Amino acid sequence: SVKGRFAISRDSAKNTVYLQMNSLKPEDTAVYYCAAAKSA
C-alpha cells in the first residue's frame, strides 16, 4: 500500500530511522509506531 510513495532510511551515527512519506492519501491517516528488533 505504500510502495513507491514511502522511503525508509537510517542514520547509524544518530541511531535514527526516517520514514519519508510522499503522495499521502487520506487512507494513510493513522498513528505511526516505530519499533526495534534484535532479529531480522
PDB file of all heavy atoms in Angstrom:
ATOM      1  N   SER A   1       0.804  -1.219   0.000  1.00  0.00           N
ATOM      2  CA  SER A   1       0.000   0.000   0.000  1.00  0.00           C
ATOM      3  C   SER A   1       0.840   1.275   0.000  1.00  0.00           C
ATOM      4  O   SER A   1       0.327   2.349  -0.330  1.00  0.00           O
ATOM      5  CB  SER A   1      -0.938   0.007   1.204  1.00  0.00           C
ATOM      6  OG  SER A   1      -0.196  -0.071   2.411  1.00  0.00           O
ATOM      7  N   VAL A   2       2.119   1.173   0.364  1.00  0.00           N
ATOM      8  CA  VAL A   2       2.964   2.377   0.428  1.00  0.00           C
ATOM      9  C   VAL A   2       4.144   2.311  -0.522  1.00  0.00           C
ATOM     10  O   VAL A   2       4.881   3.295  -0.649  1.00  0.00           O
ATOM     11  CB  VAL A   2       3.471   2.620   1.870  1.00  0.00           C
ATOM     12  CG1 VAL A   2       2.300   2.651   2.846  1.00  0.00           C
ATOM     13  CG2 VAL A   2       4.502   1.593   2.291  1.00  0.00           C
ATOM     14  N   LYS A   3       4.319   1.185  -1.184  1.00  0.00           N
ATOM     15  CA  LYS A   3       5.457   1.009  -2.073  1.00  0.00           C
ATOM     16  C   LYS A   3       5.425   2.070  -3.172  1.00  0.00           C
ATOM     17  O   LYS A   3       4.399   2.313  -3.797  1.00  0.00           O
ATOM     18  CB  LYS A   3       5.414  -0.398  -2.675  1.00  0.00           C
ATOM     19  CG  LYS A   3       6.740  -0.907  -3.170  1.00  0.00           C
ATOM     20  CD  LYS A   3       6.644  -2.381  -3.515  1.00  0.00           C
ATOM     21  CE  LYS A   3       6.417  -3.242  -2.288  1.00  0.00           C
ATOM     22  NZ  LYS A   3       6.384  -4.689  -2.601  1.00  0.00           N
ATOM     23  N   GLY A   4       6.561   2.703  -3.384  1.00  0.00           N
ATOM     24  CA  GLY A   4       6.647   3.752  -4.383  1.00  0.00           C
ATOM     25  C   GLY A   4       6.310   5.133  -3.857  1.00  0.00           C
ATOM     26  O   GLY A   4       6.583   6.138  -4.532  1.00  0.00           O
ATOM     27  N   ARG A   5       5.739   5.205  -2.663  1.00  0.00           N
ATOM     28  CA  ARG A   5       5.398   6.507  -2.067  1.00  0.00           C
ATOM     29  C   ARG A   5       6.206   6.794  -0.810  1.00  0.00           C
ATOM     30  O   ARG A   5       6.511   7.953  -0.522  1.00  0.00           O
ATOM     31  CB  ARG A   5       3.907   6.543  -1.714  1.00  0.00           C
ATOM     32  CG  ARG A   5       2.974   6.367  -2.892  1.00  0.00           C
ATOM     33  CD  ARG A   5       1.515   6.610  -2.501  1.00  0.00           C
ATOM     34  NE  ARG A   5       1.039   5.662  -1.497  1.00  0.00           N
ATOM     35  CZ  ARG A   5       0.546   6.027  -0.311  1.00  0.00           C
ATOM     36  NH1 ARG A   5       0.479   7.308   0.016  1.00  0.00           N
ATOM     37  NH2 ARG A   5       0.111   5.112   0.543  1.00  0.00           N
ATOM     38  N   PHE A   6       6.532   5.760  -0.072  1.00  0.00           N
ATOM     39  CA  PHE A   6       7.274   5.910   1.189  1.00  0.00           C
ATOM     40  C   PHE A   6       8.705   5.410   0.997  1.00  0.00           C
ATOM     41  O   PHE A   6       8.951   4.490   0.203  1.00  0.00           O
ATOM     42  CB  PHE A   6       6.615   5.117   2.305  1.00  0.00           C
ATOM     43  CG  PHE A   6       5.285   5.639   2.780  1.00  0.00           C
ATOM     44  CD1 PHE A   6       4.590   6.628   2.089  1.00  0.00           C
ATOM     45  CD2 PHE A   6       4.722   5.129   3.937  1.00  0.00           C
ATOM     46  CE1 PHE A   6       3.367   7.097   2.525  1.00  0.00           C
ATOM     47  CE2 PHE A   6       3.495   5.585   4.393  1.00  0.00           C
ATOM     48  CZ  PHE A   6       2.817   6.571   3.684  1.00  0.00           C
ATOM     49  N   ALA A   7       9.621   5.993   1.751  1.00  0.00           N
ATOM     50  CA  ALA A   7      11.015   5.553   1.718  1.00  0.00           C
ATOM     51  C   ALA A   7      11.570   5.548   3.133  1.00  0.00           C
ATOM     52  O   ALA A   7      11.446   6.551   3.853  1.00  0.00           O
ATOM     53  CB  ALA A   7      11.847   6.456   0.829  1.00  0.00           C
ATOM     54  N   ILE A   8      12.177   4.442   3.516  1.00  0.00           N
ATOM     55  CA  ILE A   8      12.766   4.314   4.842  1.00  0.00           C
ATOM     56  C   ILE A   8      14.275   4.440   4.724  1.00  0.00           C
ATOM     57  O   ILE A   8      14.875   3.987   3.743  1.00  0.00           O
ATOM     58  CB  ILE A   8      12.365   2.967   5.495  1.00  0.00           C
ATOM     59  CG1 ILE A   8      12.729   2.959   6.974  1.00  0.00           C
ATOM     60  CG2 ILE A   8      12.973   1.792   4.750  1.00  0.00           C
ATOM     61  CD1 ILE A   8      12.113   1.768   7.729  1.00  0.00           C
ATOM     62  N   SER A   9      14.875   5.083   5.718  1.00  0.00           N
ATOM     63  CA  SER A   9      16.327   5.224   5.723  1.00  0.00           C
ATOM     64  C   SER A   9      16.817   5.256   7.156  1.00  0.00           C
ATOM     65  O   SER A   9      16.023   5.401   8.099  1.00  0.00           O
ATOM     66  CB  SER A   9      16.750   6.491   4.977  1.00  0.00           C
ATOM     67  OG  SER A   9      16.200   7.645   5.605  1.00  0.00           O
ATOM     68  N   ARG A  10      18.132   5.140   7.300  1.00  0.00           N
ATOM     69  CA  ARG A  10      18.703   5.075   8.650  1.00  0.00           C
ATOM     70  C   ARG A  10      19.983   5.880   8.703  1.00  0.00           C
ATOM     71  O   ARG A  10      20.811   5.829   7.787  1.00  0.00           O
ATOM     72  CB  ARG A  10      18.996   3.615   9.012  1.00  0.00           C
ATOM     73  CG  ARG A  10      19.714   3.402  10.348  1.00  0.00           C
ATOM     74  CD  ARG A  10      19.922   1.933  10.612  1.00  0.00           C
ATOM     75  NE  ARG A  10      20.644   1.695  11.859  1.00  0.00           N
ATOM     76  CZ  ARG A  10      21.893   1.294  11.915  1.00  0.00           C
ATOM     77  NH1 ARG A  10      22.576   1.057  10.801  1.00  0.00           N
ATOM     78  NH2 ARG A  10      22.488   1.093  13.093  1.00  0.00           N
ATOM     79  N   ASP A  11      20.133   6.631   9.781  1.00  0.00           N
ATOM     80  CA  ASP A  11      21.377   7.332  10.083  1.00  0.00           C
ATOM     81  C   ASP A  11      21.975   6.612  11.286  1.00  0.00           C
ATOM     82  O   ASP A  11      21.530   6.825  12.424  1.00  0.00           O
ATOM     83  CB  ASP A  11      21.105   8.806  10.382  1.00  0.00           C
ATOM     84  CG  ASP A  11      22.378   9.590  10.596  1.00  0.00           C
ATOM     85  OD1 ASP A  11      23.405   9.013  11.023  1.00  0.00           O
ATOM     86  OD2 ASP A  11      22.363  10.807  10.350  1.00  0.00           O
ATOM     87  N   SER A  12      22.953   5.756  11.040  1.00  0.00           N
ATOM     88  CA  SER A  12      23.502   4.940  12.117  1.00  0.00           C
ATOM     89  C   SER A  12      24.221   5.782  13.162  1.00  0.00           C
ATOM     90  O   SER A  12      24.209   5.449  14.347  1.00  0.00           O
ATOM     91  CB  SER A  12      24.457   3.894  11.541  1.00  0.00           C
ATOM     92  OG  SER A  12      25.518   4.515  10.849  1.00  0.00           O
ATOM     93  N   ALA A  13      24.820   6.875  12.743  1.00  0.00           N
ATOM     94  CA  ALA A  13      25.543   7.733  13.686  1.00  0.00           C
ATOM     95  C   ALA A  13      24.597   8.373  14.698  1.00  0.00           C
ATOM     96  O   ALA A  13      24.978   8.652  15.833  1.00  0.00           O
ATOM     97  CB  ALA A  13      26.319   8.798  12.934  1.00  0.00           C
ATOM     98  N   LYS A  14      23.369   8.600  14.274  1.00  0.00           N
ATOM     99  CA  LYS A  14      22.372   9.230  15.145  1.00  0.00           C
ATOM    100  C   LYS A  14      21.402   8.222  15.736  1.00  0.00           C
ATOM    101  O   LYS A  14      20.493   8.605  16.483  1.00  0.00           O
ATOM    102  CB  LYS A  14      21.585  10.285  14.358  1.00  0.00           C
ATOM    103  CG  LYS A  14      22.432  11.450  13.867  1.00  0.00           C
ATOM    104  CD  LYS A  14      21.566  12.465  13.139  1.00  0.00           C
ATOM    105  CE  LYS A  14      22.401  13.645  12.669  1.00  0.00           C
ATOM    106  NZ  LYS A  14      21.582  14.639  11.934  1.00  0.00           N
ATOM    107  N   ASN A  15      21.571   6.944  15.400  1.00  0.00           N
ATOM    108  CA  ASN A  15      20.613   5.914  15.861  1.00  0.00           C
ATOM    109  C   ASN A  15      19.188   6.325  15.544  1.00  0.00           C
ATOM    110  O   ASN A  15      18.278   6.216  16.381  1.00  0.00           O
ATOM    111  CB  ASN A  15      20.763   5.647  17.352  1.00  0.00           C
ATOM    112  CG  ASN A  15      21.900   4.696  17.656  1.00  0.00           C
ATOM    113  OD1 ASN A  15      22.192   3.795  16.874  1.00  0.00           O
ATOM    114  ND2 ASN A  15      22.565   4.900  18.778  1.00  0.00           N
ATOM    115  N   THR A  16      18.995   6.815  14.351  1.00  0.00           N
ATOM    116  CA  THR A  16      17.693   7.337  13.951  1.00  0.00           C
ATOM    117  C   THR A  16      17.267   6.724  12.624  1.00  0.00           C
ATOM    118  O   THR A  16      18.081   6.584  11.712  1.00  0.00           O
ATOM    119  CB  THR A  16      17.741   8.871  13.830  1.00  0.00           C
ATOM    120  OG1 THR A  16      18.064   9.421  15.117  1.00  0.00           O
ATOM    121  CG2 THR A  16      16.400   9.429  13.379  1.00  0.00           C
ATOM    122  N   VAL A  17      16.003   6.380  12.550  1.00  0.00           N
ATOM    123  CA  VAL A  17      15.405   5.874  11.320  1.00  0.00           C
ATOM    124  C   VAL A  17      14.351   6.872  10.867  1.00  0.00           C
ATOM    125  O   VAL A  17      13.627   7.447  11.693  1.00  0.00           O
ATOM    126  CB  VAL A  17      14.773   4.486  11.538  1.00  0.00           C
ATOM    127  CG1 VAL A  17      13.939   4.076  10.343  1.00  0.00           C
ATOM    128  CG2 VAL A  17      15.864   3.458  11.781  1.00  0.00           C
ATOM    129  N   TYR A  18      14.290   7.069   9.569  1.00  0.00           N
ATOM    130  CA  TYR A  18      13.353   8.033   8.983  1.00  0.00           C
ATOM    131  C   TYR A  18      12.363   7.312   8.077  1.00  0.00           C
ATOM    132  O   TYR A  18      12.690   6.302   7.458  1.00  0.00           O
ATOM    133  CB  TYR A  18      14.105   9.075   8.176  1.00  0.00           C
ATOM    134  CG  TYR A  18      15.166   9.811   8.963  1.00  0.00           C
ATOM    135  CD1 TYR A  18      16.493   9.413   8.910  1.00  0.00           C
ATOM    136  CD2 TYR A  18      14.827  10.894   9.777  1.00  0.00           C
ATOM    137  CE1 TYR A  18      17.470  10.077   9.640  1.00  0.00           C
ATOM    138  CE2 TYR A  18      15.804  11.564  10.509  1.00  0.00           C
ATOM    139  CZ  TYR A  18      17.120  11.143  10.437  1.00  0.00           C
ATOM    140  OH  TYR A  18      18.076  11.802  11.163  1.00  0.00           O
ATOM    141  N   LEU A  19      11.176   7.874   7.992  1.00  0.00           N
ATOM    142  CA  LEU A  19      10.194   7.401   7.034  1.00  0.00           C
ATOM    143  C   LEU A  19       9.712   8.620   6.248  1.00  0.00           C
ATOM    144  O   LEU A  19       8.965   9.448   6.779  1.00  0.00           O
ATOM    145  CB  LEU A  19       9.017   6.704   7.717  1.00  0.00           C
ATOM    146  CG  LEU A  19       8.012   6.079   6.768  1.00  0.00           C
ATOM    147  CD1 LEU A  19       8.643   4.890   6.023  1.00  0.00           C
ATOM    148  CD2 LEU A  19       6.765   5.616   7.513  1.00  0.00           C
ATOM    149  N   GLN A  20      10.178   8.726   5.025  1.00  0.00           N
ATOM    150  CA  GLN A  20       9.731   9.801   4.143  1.00  0.00           C
ATOM    151  C   GLN A  20       8.449   9.363   3.464  1.00  0.00           C
ATOM    152  O   GLN A  20       8.429   8.338   2.776  1.00  0.00           O
ATOM    153  CB  GLN A  20      10.803  10.099   3.103  1.00  0.00           C
ATOM    154  CG  GLN A  20      10.412  11.177   2.106  1.00  0.00           C
ATOM    155  CD  GLN A  20      10.268  12.541   2.740  1.00  0.00           C
ATOM    156  OE1 GLN A  20      11.077  12.950   3.555  1.00  0.00           O
ATOM    157  NE2 GLN A  20       9.206  13.251   2.369  1.00  0.00           N
ATOM    158  N   MET A  21       7.403  10.124   3.664  1.00  0.00           N
ATOM    159  CA  MET A  21       6.094   9.763   3.131  1.00  0.00           C
ATOM    160  C   MET A  21       5.664  10.815   2.117  1.00  0.00           C
ATOM    161  O   MET A  21       5.471  11.980   2.472  1.00  0.00           O
ATOM    162  CB  MET A  21       5.071   9.664   4.268  1.00  0.00           C
ATOM    163  CG  MET A  21       5.485   8.718   5.378  1.00  0.00           C
ATOM    164  SD  MET A  21       4.214   8.452   6.618  1.00  0.00           S
ATOM    165  CE  MET A  21       4.052  10.102   7.287  1.00  0.00           C
ATOM    166  N   ASN A  22       5.526  10.405   0.875  1.00  0.00           N
ATOM    167  CA  ASN A  22       5.124  11.298  -0.201  1.00  0.00           C
ATOM    168  C   ASN A  22       3.777  10.861  -0.764  1.00  0.00           C
ATOM    169  O   ASN A  22       3.328   9.744  -0.524  1.00  0.00           O
ATOM    170  CB  ASN A  22       6.175  11.282  -1.312  1.00  0.00           C
ATOM    171  CG  ASN A  22       7.539  11.747  -0.835  1.00  0.00           C
ATOM    172  OD1 ASN A  22       7.650  12.636   0.008  1.00  0.00           O
ATOM    173  ND2 ASN A  22       8.594  11.145  -1.373  1.00  0.00           N
ATOM    174  N   SER A  23       3.169  11.754  -1.508  1.00  0.00           N
ATOM    175  CA  SER A  23       1.874  11.454  -2.146  1.00  0.00           C
ATOM    176  C   SER A  23       0.895  10.858  -1.142  1.00  0.00           C
ATOM    177  O   SER A  23       0.243   9.842  -1.412  1.00  0.00           O
ATOM    178  CB  SER A  23       2.076  10.483  -3.327  1.00  0.00           C
ATOM    179  OG  SER A  23       2.965  11.037  -4.270  1.00  0.00           O
ATOM    180  N   LEU A  24       0.790  11.490  -0.007  1.00  0.00           N
ATOM    181  CA  LEU A  24      -0.050  10.970   1.061  1.00  0.00           C
ATOM    182  C   LEU A  24      -1.518  10.980   0.674  1.00  0.00           C
ATOM    183  O   LEU A  24      -1.982  11.879  -0.048  1.00  0.00           O
ATOM    184  CB  LEU A  24       0.173  11.775   2.337  1.00  0.00           C
ATOM    185  CG  LEU A  24       1.464  11.410   3.080  1.00  0.00           C
ATOM    186  CD1 LEU A  24       1.856  12.507   4.058  1.00  0.00           C
ATOM    187  CD2 LEU A  24       1.309  10.082   3.806  1.00  0.00           C
ATOM    188  N   LYS A  25      -2.224   9.974   1.170  1.00  0.00           N
ATOM    189  CA  LYS A  25      -3.647   9.800   0.893  1.00  0.00           C
ATOM    190  C   LYS A  25      -4.406   9.810   2.216  1.00  0.00           C
ATOM    191  O   LYS A  25      -3.844   9.484   3.263  1.00  0.00           O
ATOM    192  CB  LYS A  25      -3.876   8.466   0.195  1.00  0.00           C
ATOM    193  CG  LYS A  25      -3.064   8.257  -1.060  1.00  0.00           C
ATOM    194  CD  LYS A  25      -3.258   6.849  -1.609  1.00  0.00           C
ATOM    195  CE  LYS A  25      -2.419   6.596  -2.850  1.00  0.00           C
ATOM    196  NZ  LYS A  25      -2.618   5.224  -3.371  1.00  0.00           N
ATOM    197  N   PRO A  26      -5.694  10.121   2.182  1.00  0.00           N
ATOM    198  CA  PRO A  26      -6.484  10.076   3.422  1.00  0.00           C
ATOM    199  C   PRO A  26      -6.410   8.726   4.122  1.00  0.00           C
ATOM    200  O   PRO A  26      -6.437   8.663   5.354  1.00  0.00           O
ATOM    201  CB  PRO A  26      -7.891  10.395   2.937  1.00  0.00           C
ATOM    202  CG  PRO A  26      -7.690  11.262   1.738  1.00  0.00           C
ATOM    203  CD  PRO A  26      -6.472  10.689   1.061  1.00  0.00           C
ATOM    204  N   GLU A  27      -6.276   7.655   3.357  1.00  0.00           N
ATOM    205  CA  GLU A  27      -6.205   6.319   3.970  1.00  0.00           C
ATOM    206  C   GLU A  27      -4.879   6.063   4.671  1.00  0.00           C
ATOM    207  O   GLU A  27      -4.714   5.033   5.326  1.00  0.00           O
ATOM    208  CB  GLU A  27      -6.474   5.224   2.929  1.00  0.00           C
ATOM    209  CG  GLU A  27      -5.650   5.340   1.671  1.00  0.00           C
ATOM    210  CD  GLU A  27      -6.412   6.043   0.551  1.00  0.00           C
ATOM    211  OE1 GLU A  27      -7.069   7.075   0.824  1.00  0.00           O
ATOM    212  OE2 GLU A  27      -6.324   5.559  -0.608  1.00  0.00           O
ATOM    213  N   ASP A  28      -3.935   6.962   4.560  1.00  0.00           N
ATOM    214  CA  ASP A  28      -2.686   6.865   5.320  1.00  0.00           C
ATOM    215  C   ASP A  28      -2.842   7.425   6.738  1.00  0.00           C
ATOM    216  O   ASP A  28      -1.920   7.311   7.549  1.00  0.00           O
ATOM    217  CB  ASP A  28      -1.558   7.632   4.616  1.00  0.00           C
ATOM    218  CG  ASP A  28      -1.177   7.015   3.284  1.00  0.00           C
ATOM    219  OD1 ASP A  28      -1.082   5.775   3.204  1.00  0.00           O
ATOM    220  OD2 ASP A  28      -0.965   7.783   2.321  1.00  0.00           O
ATOM    221  N   THR A  29      -3.978   8.017   7.011  1.00  0.00           N
ATOM    222  CA  THR A  29      -4.228   8.563   8.344  1.00  0.00           C
ATOM    223  C   THR A  29      -4.189   7.463   9.391  1.00  0.00           C
ATOM    224  O   THR A  29      -4.884   6.456   9.275  1.00  0.00           O
ATOM    225  CB  THR A  29      -5.596   9.277   8.380  1.00  0.00           C
ATOM    226  OG1 THR A  29      -5.560  10.405   7.509  1.00  0.00           O
ATOM    227  CG2 THR A  29      -5.935   9.726   9.792  1.00  0.00           C
ATOM    228  N   ALA A  30      -3.352   7.661  10.401  1.00  0.00           N
ATOM    229  CA  ALA A  30      -3.175   6.650  11.438  1.00  0.00           C
ATOM    230  C   ALA A  30      -2.176   7.164  12.463  1.00  0.00           C
ATOM    231  O   ALA A  30      -1.515   8.188  12.245  1.00  0.00           O
ATOM    232  CB  ALA A  30      -2.653   5.344  10.840  1.00  0.00           C
ATOM    233  N   VAL A  31      -2.059   6.421  13.556  1.00  0.00           N
ATOM    234  CA  VAL A  31      -0.935   6.618  14.457  1.00  0.00           C
ATOM    235  C   VAL A  31       0.187   5.721  13.963  1.00  0.00           C
ATOM    236  O   VAL A  31      -0.020   4.529  13.749  1.00  0.00           O
ATOM    237  CB  VAL A  31      -1.310   6.275  15.912  1.00  0.00           C
ATOM    238  CG1 VAL A  31      -0.083   6.425  16.816  1.00  0.00           C
ATOM    239  CG2 VAL A  31      -2.448   7.157  16.395  1.00  0.00           C
ATOM    240  N   TYR A  32       1.360   6.314  13.785  1.00  0.00           N
ATOM    241  CA  TYR A  32       2.507   5.583  13.273  1.00  0.00           C
ATOM    242  C   TYR A  32       3.450   5.254  14.431  1.00  0.00           C
ATOM    243  O   TYR A  32       3.831   6.150  15.201  1.00  0.00           O
ATOM    244  CB  TYR A  32       3.226   6.404  12.216  1.00  0.00           C
ATOM    245  CG  TYR A  32       2.505   6.386  10.886  1.00  0.00           C
ATOM    246  CD1 TYR A  32       1.286   7.044  10.732  1.00  0.00           C
ATOM    247  CD2 TYR A  32       3.026   5.700   9.796  1.00  0.00           C
ATOM    248  CE1 TYR A  32       0.604   7.014   9.520  1.00  0.00           C
ATOM    249  CE2 TYR A  32       2.359   5.661   8.582  1.00  0.00           C
ATOM    250  CZ  TYR A  32       1.143   6.322   8.453  1.00  0.00           C
ATOM    251  OH  TYR A  32       0.475   6.283   7.255  1.00  0.00           O
ATOM    252  N   TYR A  33       3.811   3.982  14.512  1.00  0.00           N
ATOM    253  CA  TYR A  33       4.666   3.496  15.574  1.00  0.00           C
ATOM    254  C   TYR A  33       5.991   3.004  15.008  1.00  0.00           C
ATOM    255  O   TYR A  33       6.024   2.310  13.983  1.00  0.00           O
ATOM    256  CB  TYR A  33       4.001   2.341  16.315  1.00  0.00           C
ATOM    257  CG  TYR A  33       2.722   2.690  17.016  1.00  0.00           C
ATOM    258  CD1 TYR A  33       1.494   2.577  16.379  1.00  0.00           C
ATOM    259  CD2 TYR A  33       2.747   3.132  18.334  1.00  0.00           C
ATOM    260  CE1 TYR A  33       0.318   2.901  17.017  1.00  0.00           C
ATOM    261  CE2 TYR A  33       1.571   3.454  18.994  1.00  0.00           C
ATOM    262  CZ  TYR A  33       0.364   3.340  18.327  1.00  0.00           C
ATOM    263  OH  TYR A  33      -0.807   3.665  18.978  1.00  0.00           O
ATOM    264  N   CYS A  34       7.037   3.316  15.717  1.00  0.00           N
ATOM    265  CA  CYS A  34       8.363   2.821  15.408  1.00  0.00           C
ATOM    266  C   CYS A  34       8.659   1.643  16.320  1.00  0.00           C
ATOM    267  O   CYS A  34       8.218   1.631  17.490  1.00  0.00           O
ATOM    268  CB  CYS A  34       9.372   3.950  15.627  1.00  0.00           C
ATOM    269  SG  CYS A  34      11.083   3.487  15.503  1.00  0.00           S
ATOM    270  N   ALA A  35       9.418   0.669  15.810  1.00  0.00           N
ATOM    271  CA  ALA A  35       9.753  -0.496  16.620  1.00  0.00           C
ATOM    272  C   ALA A  35      11.155  -0.968  16.276  1.00  0.00           C
ATOM    273  O   ALA A  35      11.622  -0.759  15.159  1.00  0.00           O
ATOM    274  CB  ALA A  35       8.740  -1.611  16.388  1.00  0.00           C
ATOM    275  N   ALA A  36      11.791  -1.622  17.239  1.00  0.00           N
ATOM    276  CA  ALA A  36      13.150  -2.123  17.054  1.00  0.00           C
ATOM    277  C   ALA A  36      13.191  -3.627  17.288  1.00  0.00           C
ATOM    278  O   ALA A  36      12.501  -4.139  18.181  1.00  0.00           O
ATOM    279  CB  ALA A  36      14.109  -1.421  18.013  1.00  0.00           C
ATOM    280  N   ALA A  37      14.014  -4.307  16.493  1.00  0.00           N
ATOM    281  CA  ALA A  37      14.095  -5.758  16.574  1.00  0.00           C
ATOM    282  C   ALA A  37      15.541  -6.224  16.690  1.00  0.00           C
ATOM    283  O   ALA A  37      16.438  -5.606  16.120  1.00  0.00           O
ATOM    284  CB  ALA A  37      13.447  -6.386  15.347  1.00  0.00           C
ATOM    285  N   LYS A  38      15.735  -7.335  17.374  1.00  0.00           N
ATOM    286  CA  LYS A  38      17.060  -7.934  17.515  1.00  0.00           C
ATOM    287  C   LYS A  38      17.278  -9.050  16.516  1.00  0.00           C
ATOM    288  O   LYS A  38      18.345  -9.667  16.478  1.00  0.00           O
ATOM    289  CB  LYS A  38      17.250  -8.439  18.944  1.00  0.00           C
ATOM    290  CG  LYS A  38      17.254  -7.323  19.981  1.00  0.00           C
ATOM    291  CD  LYS A  38      17.429  -7.859  21.374  1.00  0.00           C
ATOM    292  CE  LYS A  38      17.533  -6.729  22.388  1.00  0.00           C
ATOM    293  NZ  LYS A  38      16.342  -5.844  22.378  1.00  0.00           N
ATOM    294  N   SER A  39      16.249  -9.335  15.741  1.00  0.00           N
ATOM    295  CA  SER A  39      16.350 -10.337  14.693  1.00  0.00           C
ATOM    296  C   SER A  39      15.714  -9.768  13.433  1.00  0.00           C
ATOM    297  O   SER A  39      14.734  -9.026  13.500  1.00  0.00           O
ATOM    298  CB  SER A  39      15.635 -11.622  15.103  1.00  0.00           C
ATOM    299  OG  SER A  39      15.528 -12.506  13.997  1.00  0.00           O
ATOM    300  N   ALA A  40      16.276 -10.129  12.292  1.00  0.00           N
ATOM    301  CA  ALA A  40      15.749  -9.631  11.014  1.00  0.00           C
ATOM    302  C   ALA A  40      14.747 -10.593  10.397  1.00  0.00           C
ATOM    303  O   ALA A  40      14.291 -10.371   9.277  1.00  0.00           O
ATOM    304  CB  ALA A  40      16.900  -9.395  10.041  1.00  0.00           C
TER     305      ALA A  40
END
